[in-house]
Amino acid sequence: MAGRCASGAGSKHRLQIETLSDNTAILRAAERNGFVREGVLRPTSWVMGEFLDDVLLGLLAENWTPARRRHARRNLMTTAALGSSPTCSLLA
């Protein structure tokens, strides 16, 4: 899975994913793990001769539960095996 994660000093406050709007596998996996759609960046990414929208999803630290931690890695790893390539940012 290609992507970038950035971290700052101190504890992490939010996790953010940006992916193409047609990337249904990562959108489902992220929402299944507690991410919330926070916005759409309209025609942003040039892909195969056309502009596509990007979707921004976020998960706040206070909404991240231990039950989600156990399953999140497996769900996102399965999605990665399907060839998805979201961009993620970890913000302090």
PDB file of N, CA and C in Angstrom:
ATOM      1  N   MET A   1       0.854  -1.168   0.000  1.00  0.00           N
ATOM      2  CA  MET A   1       0.000   0.000   0.000  1.00  0.00           C
ATOM      3  C   MET A   1       0.897   1.227   0.000  1.00  0.00           C
ATOM      4  N   ALA A   2       0.762   2.048  -0.980  1.00  0.00           N
ATOM      5  CA  ALA A   2       1.522   3.295  -1.013  1.00  0.00           C
ATOM      6  C   ALA A   2       0.780   4.342  -0.208  1.00  0.00           C
ATOM      7  N   GLY A   3       1.497   5.214   0.409  1.00  0.00           N
ATOM      8  CA  GLY A   3       0.871   6.255   1.209  1.00  0.00           C
ATOM      9  C   GLY A   3       1.918   6.966   2.014  1.00  0.00           C
ATOM     10  N   ARG A   4       1.519   8.019   2.686  1.00  0.00           N
ATOM     11  CA  ARG A   4       2.457   8.724   3.550  1.00  0.00           C
ATOM     12  C   ARG A   4       1.772   9.007   4.868  1.00  0.00           C
ATOM     13  N   CYS A   5       2.503   8.869   5.933  1.00  0.00           N
ATOM     14  CA  CYS A   5       2.003   9.169   7.265  1.00  0.00           C
ATOM     15  C   CYS A   5       2.996  10.123   7.907  1.00  0.00           C
ATOM     16  N   ALA A   6       2.485  11.176   8.468  1.00  0.00           N
ATOM     17  CA  ALA A   6       3.353  12.150   9.139  1.00  0.00           C
ATOM     18  C   ALA A   6       2.925  12.246  10.592  1.00  0.00           C
ATOM     19  N   SER A   7       3.874  12.359  11.486  1.00  0.00           N
ATOM     20  CA  SER A   7       3.523  12.485  12.902  1.00  0.00           C
ATOM     21  C   SER A   7       4.247  13.675  13.492  1.00  0.00           C
ATOM     22  N   GLY A   8       3.646  14.241  14.505  1.00  0.00           N
ATOM     23  CA  GLY A   8       4.249  15.365  15.209  1.00  0.00           C
ATOM     24  C   GLY A   8       4.613  14.950  16.616  1.00  0.00           C
ATOM     25  N   ALA A   9       5.043  15.903  17.404  1.00  0.00           N
ATOM     26  CA  ALA A   9       5.413  15.617  18.788  1.00  0.00           C
ATOM     27  C   ALA A   9       4.159  15.407  19.631  1.00  0.00           C
ATOM     28  N   GLY A  10       4.280  14.591  20.653  1.00  0.00           N
ATOM     29  CA  GLY A  10       3.170  14.384  21.586  1.00  0.00           C
ATOM     30  C   GLY A  10       2.212  13.301  21.116  1.00  0.00           C
ATOM     31  N   SER A  11       1.094  13.187  21.809  1.00  0.00           N
ATOM     32  CA  SER A  11       0.123  12.160  21.462  1.00  0.00           C
ATOM     33  C   SER A  11      -0.616  12.545  20.182  1.00  0.00           C
ATOM     34  N   LYS A  12      -1.152  11.556  19.513  1.00  0.00           N
ATOM     35  CA  LYS A  12      -1.835  11.782  18.241  1.00  0.00           C
ATOM     36  C   LYS A  12      -3.288  12.139  18.489  1.00  0.00           C
ATOM     37  N   HIS A  13      -3.764  13.154  17.770  1.00  0.00           N
ATOM     38  CA  HIS A  13      -5.116  13.643  17.935  1.00  0.00           C
ATOM     39  C   HIS A  13      -6.061  13.097  16.873  1.00  0.00           C
ATOM     40  N   ARG A  14      -5.569  12.935  15.649  1.00  0.00           N
ATOM     41  CA  ARG A  14      -6.439  12.458  14.587  1.00  0.00           C
ATOM     42  C   ARG A  14      -5.639  11.719  13.520  1.00  0.00           C
ATOM     43  N   LEU A  15      -6.343  10.834  12.831  1.00  0.00           N
ATOM     44  CA  LEU A  15      -5.795  10.113  11.695  1.00  0.00           C
ATOM     45  C   LEU A  15      -6.632  10.530  10.502  1.00  0.00           C
ATOM     46  N   GLN A  16      -5.992  10.777   9.380  1.00  0.00           N
ATOM     47  CA  GLN A  16      -6.686  11.285   8.201  1.00  0.00           C
ATOM     48  C   GLN A  16      -6.301  10.465   6.980  1.00  0.00           C
ATOM     49  N   ILE A  17      -7.278  10.152   6.155  1.00  0.00           N
ATOM     50  CA  ILE A  17      -7.054   9.426   4.905  1.00  0.00           C
ATOM     51  C   ILE A  17      -7.619  10.254   3.763  1.00  0.00           C
ATOM     52  N   GLU A  18      -6.868  10.327   2.670  1.00  0.00           N
ATOM     53  CA  GLU A  18      -7.352  10.964   1.448  1.00  0.00           C
ATOM     54  C   GLU A  18      -7.227   9.934   0.338  1.00  0.00           C
ATOM     55  N   THR A  19      -8.336   9.660  -0.357  1.00  0.00           N
ATOM     56  CA  THR A  19      -8.324   8.657  -1.413  1.00  0.00           C
ATOM     57  C   THR A  19      -9.261   9.083  -2.529  1.00  0.00           C
ATOM     58  N   LEU A  20      -9.154   8.438  -3.671  1.00  0.00           N
ATOM     59  CA  LEU A  20     -10.029   8.751  -4.798  1.00  0.00           C
ATOM     60  C   LEU A  20     -11.464   8.346  -4.490  1.00  0.00           C
ATOM     61  N   SER A  21     -12.407   9.103  -5.028  1.00  0.00           N
ATOM     62  CA  SER A  21     -13.821   8.845  -4.749  1.00  0.00           C
ATOM     63  C   SER A  21     -14.297   7.512  -5.310  1.00  0.00           C
ATOM     64  N   ASP A  22     -13.610   6.960  -6.295  1.00  0.00           N
ATOM     65  CA  ASP A  22     -14.027   5.665  -6.843  1.00  0.00           C
ATOM     66  C   ASP A  22     -13.336   4.486  -6.153  1.00  0.00           C
ATOM     67  N   ASN A  23     -12.570   4.755  -5.118  1.00  0.00           N
ATOM     68  CA  ASN A  23     -11.857   3.710  -4.385  1.00  0.00           C
ATOM     69  C   ASN A  23     -12.771   3.139  -3.293  1.00  0.00           C
ATOM     70  N   THR A  24     -13.772   2.396  -3.724  1.00  0.00           N
ATOM     71  CA  THR A  24     -14.804   1.926  -2.797  1.00  0.00           C
ATOM     72  C   THR A  24     -14.262   0.978  -1.724  1.00  0.00           C
ATOM     73  N   ALA A  25     -13.246   0.201  -2.046  1.00  0.00           N
ATOM     74  CA  ALA A  25     -12.708  -0.749  -1.066  1.00  0.00           C
ATOM     75  C   ALA A  25     -12.123  -0.018   0.142  1.00  0.00           C
ATOM     76  N   ILE A  26     -11.299   1.003  -0.092  1.00  0.00           N
ATOM     77  CA  ILE A  26     -10.692   1.717   1.043  1.00  0.00           C
ATOM     78  C   ILE A  26     -11.739   2.575   1.750  1.00  0.00           C
ATOM     79  N   LEU A  27     -12.700   3.128   1.027  1.00  0.00           N
ATOM     80  CA  LEU A  27     -13.755   3.915   1.669  1.00  0.00           C
ATOM     81  C   LEU A  27     -14.562   3.044   2.633  1.00  0.00           C
ATOM     82  N   ARG A  28     -14.928   1.839   2.194  1.00  0.00           N
ATOM     83  CA  ARG A  28     -15.681   0.918   3.065  1.00  0.00           C
ATOM     84  C   ARG A  28     -14.839   0.492   4.260  1.00  0.00           C
ATOM     85  N   ALA A  29     -13.583   0.136   4.016  1.00  0.00           N
ATOM     86  CA  ALA A  29     -12.717  -0.311   5.117  1.00  0.00           C
ATOM     87  C   ALA A  29     -12.515   0.802   6.139  1.00  0.00           C
ATOM     88  N   ALA A  30     -12.297   2.018   5.672  1.00  0.00           N
ATOM     89  CA  ALA A  30     -12.089   3.141   6.584  1.00  0.00           C
ATOM     90  C   ALA A  30     -13.343   3.411   7.410  1.00  0.00           C
ATOM     91  N   GLU A  31     -14.503   3.455   6.763  1.00  0.00           N
ATOM     92  CA  GLU A  31     -15.745   3.709   7.491  1.00  0.00           C
ATOM     93  C   GLU A  31     -16.079   2.578   8.459  1.00  0.00           C
ATOM     94  N   ARG A  32     -15.753   1.351   8.089  1.00  0.00           N
ATOM     95  CA  ARG A  32     -15.971   0.199   8.969  1.00  0.00           C
ATOM     96  C   ARG A  32     -15.110   0.315  10.233  1.00  0.00           C
ATOM     97  N   ASN A  33     -14.013   1.051  10.135  1.00  0.00           N
ATOM     98  CA  ASN A  33     -13.102   1.205  11.265  1.00  0.00           C
ATOM     99  C   ASN A  33     -13.252   2.542  11.970  1.00  0.00           C
ATOM    100  N   GLY A  34     -14.367   3.220  11.737  1.00  0.00           N
ATOM    101  CA  GLY A  34     -14.687   4.415  12.496  1.00  0.00           C
ATOM    102  C   GLY A  34     -14.363   5.741  11.846  1.00  0.00           C
ATOM    103  N   PHE A  35     -13.776   5.734  10.646  1.00  0.00           N
ATOM    104  CA  PHE A  35     -13.489   6.982   9.952  1.00  0.00           C
ATOM    105  C   PHE A  35     -14.786   7.618   9.480  1.00  0.00           C
ATOM    106  N   VAL A  36     -14.804   8.943   9.444  1.00  0.00           N
ATOM    107  CA  VAL A  36     -15.971   9.706   9.017  1.00  0.00           C
ATOM    108  C   VAL A  36     -15.580  10.511   7.781  1.00  0.00           C
ATOM    109  N   ARG A  37     -16.467  10.510   6.777  1.00  0.00           N
ATOM    110  CA  ARG A  37     -16.215  11.346   5.591  1.00  0.00           C
ATOM    111  C   ARG A  37     -16.344  12.804   6.003  1.00  0.00           C
ATOM    112  N   GLU A  38     -15.287  13.545   5.782  1.00  0.00           N
ATOM    113  CA  GLU A  38     -15.264  14.947   6.203  1.00  0.00           C
ATOM    114  C   GLU A  38     -15.344  15.910   5.029  1.00  0.00           C
ATOM    115  N   GLY A  39     -15.120  15.426   3.840  1.00  0.00           N
ATOM    116  CA  GLY A  39     -15.220  16.322   2.701  1.00  0.00           C
ATOM    117  C   GLY A  39     -14.808  15.675   1.403  1.00  0.00           C
ATOM    118  N   VAL A  40     -15.142  16.369   0.337  1.00  0.00           N
ATOM    119  CA  VAL A  40     -14.779  15.942  -1.006  1.00  0.00           C
ATOM    120  C   VAL A  40     -14.030  17.096  -1.671  1.00  0.00           C
ATOM    121  N   LEU A  41     -12.876  16.793  -2.201  1.00  0.00           N
ATOM    122  CA  LEU A  41     -12.107  17.762  -2.966  1.00  0.00           C
ATOM    123  C   LEU A  41     -12.451  17.503  -4.432  1.00  0.00           C
ATOM    124  N   ARG A  42     -13.307  18.356  -4.978  1.00  0.00           N
ATOM    125  CA  ARG A  42     -13.810  18.122  -6.335  1.00  0.00           C
ATOM    126  C   ARG A  42     -12.714  18.298  -7.360  1.00  0.00           C
ATOM    127  N   PRO A  43     -12.905  17.747  -8.543  1.00  0.00           N
ATOM    128  CA  PRO A  43     -11.862  17.353  -9.478  1.00  0.00           C
ATOM    129  C   PRO A  43     -10.447  17.785  -9.082  1.00  0.00           C
ATOM    130  N   THR A  44      -9.758  16.869  -8.417  1.00  0.00           N
ATOM    131  CA  THR A  44      -8.446  17.154  -7.861  1.00  0.00           C
ATOM    132  C   THR A  44      -7.343  16.328  -8.503  1.00  0.00           C
ATOM    133  N   SER A  45      -7.595  15.061  -8.710  1.00  0.00           N
ATOM    134  CA  SER A  45      -6.552  14.134  -9.177  1.00  0.00           C
ATOM    135  C   SER A  45      -6.754  13.773 -10.644  1.00  0.00           C
ATOM    136  N   TRP A  46      -5.685  13.907 -11.429  1.00  0.00           N
ATOM    137  CA  TRP A  46      -5.707  13.530 -12.841  1.00  0.00           C
ATOM    138  C   TRP A  46      -5.362  12.052 -12.938  1.00  0.00           C
ATOM    139  N   VAL A  47      -6.343  11.236 -13.339  1.00  0.00           N
ATOM    140  CA  VAL A  47      -6.151   9.786 -13.403  1.00  0.00           C
ATOM    141  C   VAL A  47      -6.651   9.275 -14.751  1.00  0.00           C
ATOM    142  N   MET A  48      -5.753   8.659 -15.496  1.00  0.00           N
ATOM    143  CA  MET A  48      -6.091   8.034 -16.777  1.00  0.00           C
ATOM    144  C   MET A  48      -6.914   8.958 -17.677  1.00  0.00           C
ATOM    145  N   GLY A  49      -6.461  10.197 -17.820  1.00  0.00           N
ATOM    146  CA  GLY A  49      -7.075  11.109 -18.770  1.00  0.00           C
ATOM    147  C   GLY A  49      -8.281  11.887 -18.281  1.00  0.00           C
ATOM    148  N   GLU A  50      -8.575  11.826 -16.995  1.00  0.00           N
ATOM    149  CA  GLU A  50      -9.701  12.598 -16.464  1.00  0.00           C
ATOM    150  C   GLU A  50      -9.440  13.001 -15.019  1.00  0.00           C
ATOM    151  N   PHE A  51     -10.106  14.063 -14.604  1.00  0.00           N
ATOM    152  CA  PHE A  51     -10.007  14.489 -13.219  1.00  0.00           C
ATOM    153  C   PHE A  51     -11.004  13.713 -12.373  1.00  0.00           C
ATOM    154  N   LEU A  52     -10.564  13.263 -11.199  1.00  0.00           N
ATOM    155  CA  LEU A  52     -11.433  12.566 -10.253  1.00  0.00           C
ATOM    156  C   LEU A  52     -11.435  13.312  -8.923  1.00  0.00           C
ATOM    157  N   ASP A  53     -12.513  13.144  -8.169  1.00  0.00           N
ATOM    158  CA  ASP A  53     -12.625  13.738  -6.839  1.00  0.00           C
ATOM    159  C   ASP A  53     -11.796  12.937  -5.840  1.00  0.00           C
ATOM    160  N   ASP A  54     -11.296  13.624  -4.811  1.00  0.00           N
ATOM    161  CA  ASP A  54     -10.668  12.974  -3.661  1.00  0.00           C
ATOM    162  C   ASP A  54     -11.634  13.063  -2.489  1.00  0.00           C
ATOM    163  N   VAL A  55     -11.655  12.040  -1.658  1.00  0.00           N
ATOM    164  CA  VAL A  55     -12.485  12.026  -0.450  1.00  0.00           C
ATOM    165  C   VAL A  55     -11.560  12.101   0.750  1.00  0.00           C
ATOM    166  N   LEU A  56     -11.895  12.951   1.696  1.00  0.00           N
ATOM    167  CA  LEU A  56     -11.131  13.122   2.925  1.00  0.00           C
ATOM    168  C   LEU A  56     -11.913  12.481   4.069  1.00  0.00           C
ATOM    169  N   LEU A  57     -11.263  11.552   4.791  1.00  0.00           N
ATOM    170  CA  LEU A  57     -11.876  10.880   5.935  1.00  0.00           C
ATOM    171  C   LEU A  57     -11.020  11.125   7.167  1.00  0.00           C
ATOM    172  N   GLY A  58     -11.639  11.231   8.319  1.00  0.00           N
ATOM    173  CA  GLY A  58     -10.898  11.469   9.549  1.00  0.00           C
ATOM    174  C   GLY A  58     -11.393  10.608  10.691  1.00  0.00           C
ATOM    175  N   LEU A  59     -10.497  10.348  11.621  1.00  0.00           N
ATOM    176  CA  LEU A  59     -10.819   9.600  12.842  1.00  0.00           C
ATOM    177  C   LEU A  59     -10.127  10.303  13.999  1.00  0.00           C
ATOM    178  N   LEU A  60     -10.916  10.774  14.962  1.00  0.00           N
ATOM    179  CA  LEU A  60     -10.363  11.448  16.132  1.00  0.00           C
ATOM    180  C   LEU A  60      -9.951  10.425  17.182  1.00  0.00           C
ATOM    181  N   ALA A  61      -8.939  10.757  17.961  1.00  0.00           N
ATOM    182  CA  ALA A  61      -8.409   9.844  18.981  1.00  0.00           C
ATOM    183  C   ALA A  61      -9.494   9.386  19.946  1.00  0.00           C
ATOM    184  N   GLU A  62     -10.395  10.281  20.327  1.00  0.00           N
ATOM    185  CA  GLU A  62     -11.423   9.903  21.305  1.00  0.00           C
ATOM    186  C   GLU A  62     -12.468   8.943  20.727  1.00  0.00           C
ATOM    187  N   ASN A  63     -12.507   8.786  19.397  1.00  0.00           N
ATOM    188  CA  ASN A  63     -13.440   7.848  18.774  1.00  0.00           C
ATOM    189  C   ASN A  63     -12.793   6.509  18.434  1.00  0.00           C
ATOM    190  N   TRP A  64     -11.518   6.363  18.732  1.00  0.00           N
ATOM    191  CA  TRP A  64     -10.765   5.136  18.428  1.00  0.00           C
ATOM    192  C   TRP A  64     -10.869   4.208  19.616  1.00  0.00           C
ATOM    193  N   THR A  65     -11.585   3.085  19.473  1.00  0.00           N
ATOM    194  CA  THR A  65     -11.806   2.165  20.579  1.00  0.00           C
ATOM    195  C   THR A  65     -10.898   0.941  20.461  1.00  0.00           C
ATOM    196  N   PRO A  66     -10.601   0.275  21.590  1.00  0.00           N
ATOM    197  CA  PRO A  66      -9.755  -0.931  21.546  1.00  0.00           C
ATOM    198  C   PRO A  66     -10.292  -2.013  20.615  1.00  0.00           C
ATOM    199  N   ALA A  67     -11.615  -2.173  20.533  1.00  0.00           N
ATOM    200  CA  ALA A  67     -12.189  -3.185  19.641  1.00  0.00           C
ATOM    201  C   ALA A  67     -11.838  -2.883  18.193  1.00  0.00           C
ATOM    202  N   ARG A  68     -11.839  -1.616  17.822  1.00  0.00           N
ATOM    203  CA  ARG A  68     -11.484  -1.231  16.453  1.00  0.00           C
ATOM    204  C   ARG A  68     -10.007  -1.481  16.187  1.00  0.00           C
ATOM    205  N   ARG A  69      -9.164  -1.312  17.169  1.00  0.00           N
ATOM    206  CA  ARG A  69      -7.722  -1.503  16.973  1.00  0.00           C
ATOM    207  C   ARG A  69      -7.401  -2.914  16.520  1.00  0.00           C
ATOM    208  N   ARG A  70      -8.091  -3.906  17.104  1.00  0.00           N
ATOM    209  CA  ARG A  70      -7.813  -5.300  16.772  1.00  0.00           C
ATOM    210  C   ARG A  70      -8.103  -5.606  15.309  1.00  0.00           C
ATOM    211  N   HIS A  71      -9.180  -5.029  14.790  1.00  0.00           N
ATOM    212  CA  HIS A  71      -9.626  -5.376  13.446  1.00  0.00           C
ATOM    213  C   HIS A  71      -9.127  -4.422  12.372  1.00  0.00           C
ATOM    214  N   ALA A  72      -8.741  -3.223  12.746  1.00  0.00           N
ATOM    215  CA  ALA A  72      -8.364  -2.204  11.754  1.00  0.00           C
ATOM    216  C   ALA A  72      -7.183  -2.635  10.914  1.00  0.00           C
ATOM    217  N   ARG A  73      -6.141  -3.141  11.554  1.00  0.00           N
ATOM    218  CA  ARG A  73      -4.940  -3.524  10.804  1.00  0.00           C
ATOM    219  C   ARG A  73      -5.271  -4.613   9.794  1.00  0.00           C
ATOM    220  N   ARG A  74      -6.043  -5.620  10.189  1.00  0.00           N
ATOM    221  CA  ARG A  74      -6.400  -6.696   9.269  1.00  0.00           C
ATOM    222  C   ARG A  74      -7.245  -6.158   8.114  1.00  0.00           C
ATOM    223  N   ASN A  75      -8.234  -5.311   8.406  1.00  0.00           N
ATOM    224  CA  ASN A  75      -9.105  -4.770   7.362  1.00  0.00           C
ATOM    225  C   ASN A  75      -8.324  -3.923   6.369  1.00  0.00           C
ATOM    226  N   LEU A  76      -7.457  -3.047   6.867  1.00  0.00           N
ATOM    227  CA  LEU A  76      -6.709  -2.172   5.972  1.00  0.00           C
ATOM    228  C   LEU A  76      -5.649  -2.946   5.205  1.00  0.00           C
ATOM    229  N   MET A  77      -5.068  -3.984   5.806  1.00  0.00           N
ATOM    230  CA  MET A  77      -4.087  -4.809   5.100  1.00  0.00           C
ATOM    231  C   MET A  77      -4.779  -5.579   3.974  1.00  0.00           C
ATOM    232  N   THR A  78      -5.990  -6.072   4.212  1.00  0.00           N
ATOM    233  CA  THR A  78      -6.742  -6.775   3.175  1.00  0.00           C
ATOM    234  C   THR A  78      -7.042  -5.833   2.027  1.00  0.00           C
ATOM    235  N   THR A  79      -7.453  -4.611   2.348  1.00  0.00           N
ATOM    236  CA  THR A  79      -7.743  -3.612   1.327  1.00  0.00           C
ATOM    237  C   THR A  79      -6.481  -3.288   0.540  1.00  0.00           C
ATOM    238  N   ALA A  80      -5.348  -3.186   1.208  1.00  0.00           N
ATOM    239  CA  ALA A  80      -4.086  -2.884   0.538  1.00  0.00           C
ATOM    240  C   ALA A  80      -3.734  -3.974  -0.471  1.00  0.00           C
ATOM    241  N   ALA A  81      -4.053  -5.211  -0.137  1.00  0.00           N
ATOM    242  CA  ALA A  81      -3.761  -6.315  -1.037  1.00  0.00           C
ATOM    243  C   ALA A  81      -4.564  -6.204  -2.330  1.00  0.00           C
ATOM    244  N   LEU A  82      -5.675  -5.459  -2.282  1.00  0.00           N
ATOM    245  CA  LEU A  82      -6.501  -5.275  -3.469  1.00  0.00           C
ATOM    246  C   LEU A  82      -5.945  -4.203  -4.391  1.00  0.00           C
ATOM    247  N   GLY A  83      -4.851  -3.549  -3.984  1.00  0.00           N
ATOM    248  CA  GLY A  83      -4.213  -2.561  -4.842  1.00  0.00           C
ATOM    249  C   GLY A  83      -4.606  -1.128  -4.538  1.00  0.00           C
ATOM    250  N   SER A  84      -5.250  -0.885  -3.423  1.00  0.00           N
ATOM    251  CA  SER A  84      -5.643   0.476  -3.069  1.00  0.00           C
ATOM    252  C   SER A  84      -4.430   1.260  -2.626  1.00  0.00           C
ATOM    253  N   SER A  85      -4.452   2.574  -2.835  1.00  0.00           N
ATOM    254  CA  SER A  85      -3.315   3.371  -2.409  1.00  0.00           C
ATOM    255  C   SER A  85      -3.779   4.713  -1.850  1.00  0.00           C
ATOM    256  N   PRO A  86      -4.325   4.723  -0.640  1.00  0.00           N
ATOM    257  CA  PRO A  86      -4.738   5.983  -0.035  1.00  0.00           C
ATOM    258  C   PRO A  86      -3.532   6.732   0.521  1.00  0.00           C
ATOM    259  N   THR A  87      -3.733   7.993   0.819  1.00  0.00           N
ATOM    260  CA  THR A  87      -2.741   8.799   1.498  1.00  0.00           C
ATOM    261  C   THR A  87      -3.250   8.999   2.922  1.00  0.00           C
ATOM    262  N   CYS A  88      -2.414   8.761   3.913  1.00  0.00           N
ATOM    263  CA  CYS A  88      -2.870   8.956   5.283  1.00  0.00           C
ATOM    264  C   CYS A  88      -1.936   9.927   5.987  1.00  0.00           C
ATOM    265  N   SER A  89      -2.515  10.659   6.899  1.00  0.00           N
ATOM    266  CA  SER A  89      -1.743  11.601   7.702  1.00  0.00           C
ATOM    267  C   SER A  89      -2.118  11.432   9.149  1.00  0.00           C
ATOM    268  N   LEU A  90      -1.132  11.344  10.015  1.00  0.00           N
ATOM    269  CA  LEU A  90      -1.350  11.243  11.443  1.00  0.00           C
ATOM    270  C   LEU A  90      -0.978  12.588  12.029  1.00  0.00           C
ATOM    271  N   LEU A  91      -1.950  13.274  12.595  1.00  0.00           N
ATOM    272  CA  LEU A  91      -1.736  14.648  13.058  1.00  0.00           C
ATOM    273  C   LEU A  91      -1.756  14.738  14.565  1.00  0.00           C
ATOM    274  N   ALA A  92      -0.786  15.446  15.140  1.00  0.00           N
ATOM    275  CA  ALA A  92      -0.726  15.621  16.590  1.00  0.00           C
ATOM    276  C   ALA A  92      -1.617  16.763  16.994  1.00  0.00           C
TER     277      ALA A  92
END
